[in-house]
């Protein structure tokens, strides 16, 4: 029963847009989350806030990158890997350089 109630609460009829209620619907989406717009009893589209959309896009991109990394690691010949200490030495990077550097945030 909870599933049915959830579906009803998250469904908007296209006729509400036709009655000039777009502003109220957009506020509802922003306040309570995504809504499915129905047209002739068939889902037509999903309304999301820009923040929810960006979160969804970021999660999809993160999943793609994780899959790519997993595939690369699975097929990588680790005998060709270069130890970090060797790379640092070649580039002239010291332990002190690493300690004094700014914190890096990877996305």
Protein backbone atom coordinates (compact mmCIF):
# COMPACT_ATOMS: atom_id res chain seq x y z
CA UNK A 1 0.00 0.00 0.00
CA UNK A 2 2.89 2.37 0.77
CA UNK A 3 4.13 1.91 -2.80
CA UNK A 4 0.80 3.00 -4.24
CA UNK A 5 0.65 6.04 -1.98
CA UNK A 6 4.21 6.98 -2.95
CA UNK A 7 3.35 6.74 -6.65
CA UNK A 8 0.26 8.90 -6.19
CA UNK A 9 2.20 11.54 -4.22
CA UNK A 10 4.92 11.66 -6.87
CA UNK A 11 2.64 11.91 -9.91
CA UNK A 12 1.49 15.11 -11.61
CA UNK A 13 -1.10 15.28 -14.39
CA UNK A 14 -0.20 17.23 -17.52
CA UNK A 15 -3.58 18.95 -17.19
CA UNK A 16 -2.25 20.76 -14.10
CA UNK A 17 0.31 22.48 -16.34
CA UNK A 18 -2.46 23.36 -18.79
CA UNK A 19 -4.36 25.03 -15.92
CA UNK A 20 -1.45 27.38 -15.22
CA UNK A 21 -0.11 25.57 -12.16
CA UNK A 22 3.49 25.24 -13.40
CA UNK A 23 4.87 27.55 -10.71
CA UNK A 24 3.26 25.54 -7.93
CA UNK A 25 4.44 22.27 -9.47
CA UNK A 26 8.03 23.52 -9.75
CA UNK A 27 7.97 24.61 -6.10
CA UNK A 28 6.58 21.21 -5.11
CA UNK A 29 9.40 19.47 -7.01
CA UNK A 30 11.98 21.67 -5.32
CA UNK A 31 10.45 21.12 -1.86
CA UNK A 32 9.53 17.43 -2.01
CA UNK A 33 11.54 15.84 -4.82
CA UNK A 34 11.01 14.41 -8.31
CA UNK A 35 7.57 14.10 -9.89
CA UNK A 36 6.41 11.97 -12.80
CA UNK A 37 4.25 13.89 -15.27
CA UNK A 38 1.42 11.79 -16.67
CA UNK A 39 -0.28 12.36 -20.02
CA UNK A 40 -3.24 10.14 -20.94
CA UNK A 41 -2.34 7.88 -17.98
CA UNK A 42 1.15 7.25 -19.37
CA UNK A 43 4.37 8.64 -17.86
CA UNK A 44 5.50 11.50 -20.11
CA UNK A 45 8.54 12.90 -18.26
CA UNK A 46 10.18 13.27 -14.86
CA UNK A 47 10.64 16.65 -13.22
CA UNK A 48 13.77 17.14 -11.09
CA UNK A 49 15.27 20.14 -9.37
CA UNK A 50 18.55 21.30 -10.92
CA UNK A 51 20.38 20.08 -7.80
CA UNK A 52 18.82 16.61 -8.01
CA UNK A 53 19.62 16.46 -11.73
CA UNK A 54 23.27 17.41 -11.17
CA UNK A 55 23.56 14.84 -8.37
CA UNK A 56 22.18 12.18 -10.70
CA UNK A 57 24.57 13.19 -13.50
CA UNK A 58 27.53 13.19 -11.08
CA UNK A 59 26.60 9.73 -9.79
CA UNK A 60 26.32 8.39 -13.35
CA UNK A 61 29.71 9.88 -14.24
CA UNK A 62 31.26 8.45 -11.06
CA UNK A 63 29.88 5.01 -11.93
CA UNK A 64 31.30 5.24 -15.49
CA UNK A 65 34.71 6.26 -14.16
CA UNK A 66 34.71 3.48 -11.56
CA UNK A 67 33.86 0.92 -14.25
CA UNK A 68 36.62 2.30 -16.50
CA UNK A 69 39.15 2.14 -13.65
CA UNK A 70 38.09 -1.41 -12.80
CA UNK A 71 38.49 -2.51 -16.43
CA UNK A 72 41.89 -0.85 -16.69
CA UNK A 73 43.13 -2.46 -13.48
CA UNK A 74 41.85 -5.85 -14.56
CA UNK A 75 43.78 -5.73 -17.83
CA UNK A 76 46.85 -3.82 -16.62
CA UNK A 77 50.26 -5.46 -16.66
CA UNK A 78 51.51 -4.43 -13.23
CA UNK A 79 55.05 -5.53 -14.13
CA UNK A 80 55.22 -2.31 -16.19
CA UNK A 81 54.18 -0.13 -13.23
CA UNK A 82 56.72 2.45 -12.04
CA UNK A 83 57.10 2.85 -8.26
CA UNK A 84 56.03 6.27 -6.98
CA UNK A 85 59.46 6.85 -5.40
CA UNK A 86 61.08 6.47 -8.83
CA UNK A 87 58.65 8.96 -10.38
CA UNK A 88 59.22 11.46 -7.55
CA UNK A 89 63.00 11.11 -7.92
CA UNK A 90 62.84 11.62 -11.69
CA UNK A 91 60.65 14.72 -11.28
CA UNK A 92 62.69 16.09 -8.38
CA UNK A 93 59.83 15.88 -5.89
CA UNK A 94 60.87 15.45 -2.26
CA UNK A 95 58.96 14.26 0.79
CA UNK A 96 59.09 17.87 2.03
CA UNK A 97 57.43 19.04 -1.20
CA UNK A 98 54.62 16.59 -0.63
CA UNK A 99 54.11 17.69 2.98
CA UNK A 100 54.06 21.40 2.15
CA UNK A 101 51.68 21.08 -0.80
CA UNK A 102 48.02 22.05 -0.76
CA UNK A 103 45.38 19.39 -0.18
CA UNK A 104 44.10 18.05 -3.49
CA UNK A 105 40.48 17.13 -4.05
CA UNK A 106 39.84 14.74 -6.95
CA UNK A 107 36.45 14.50 -8.55
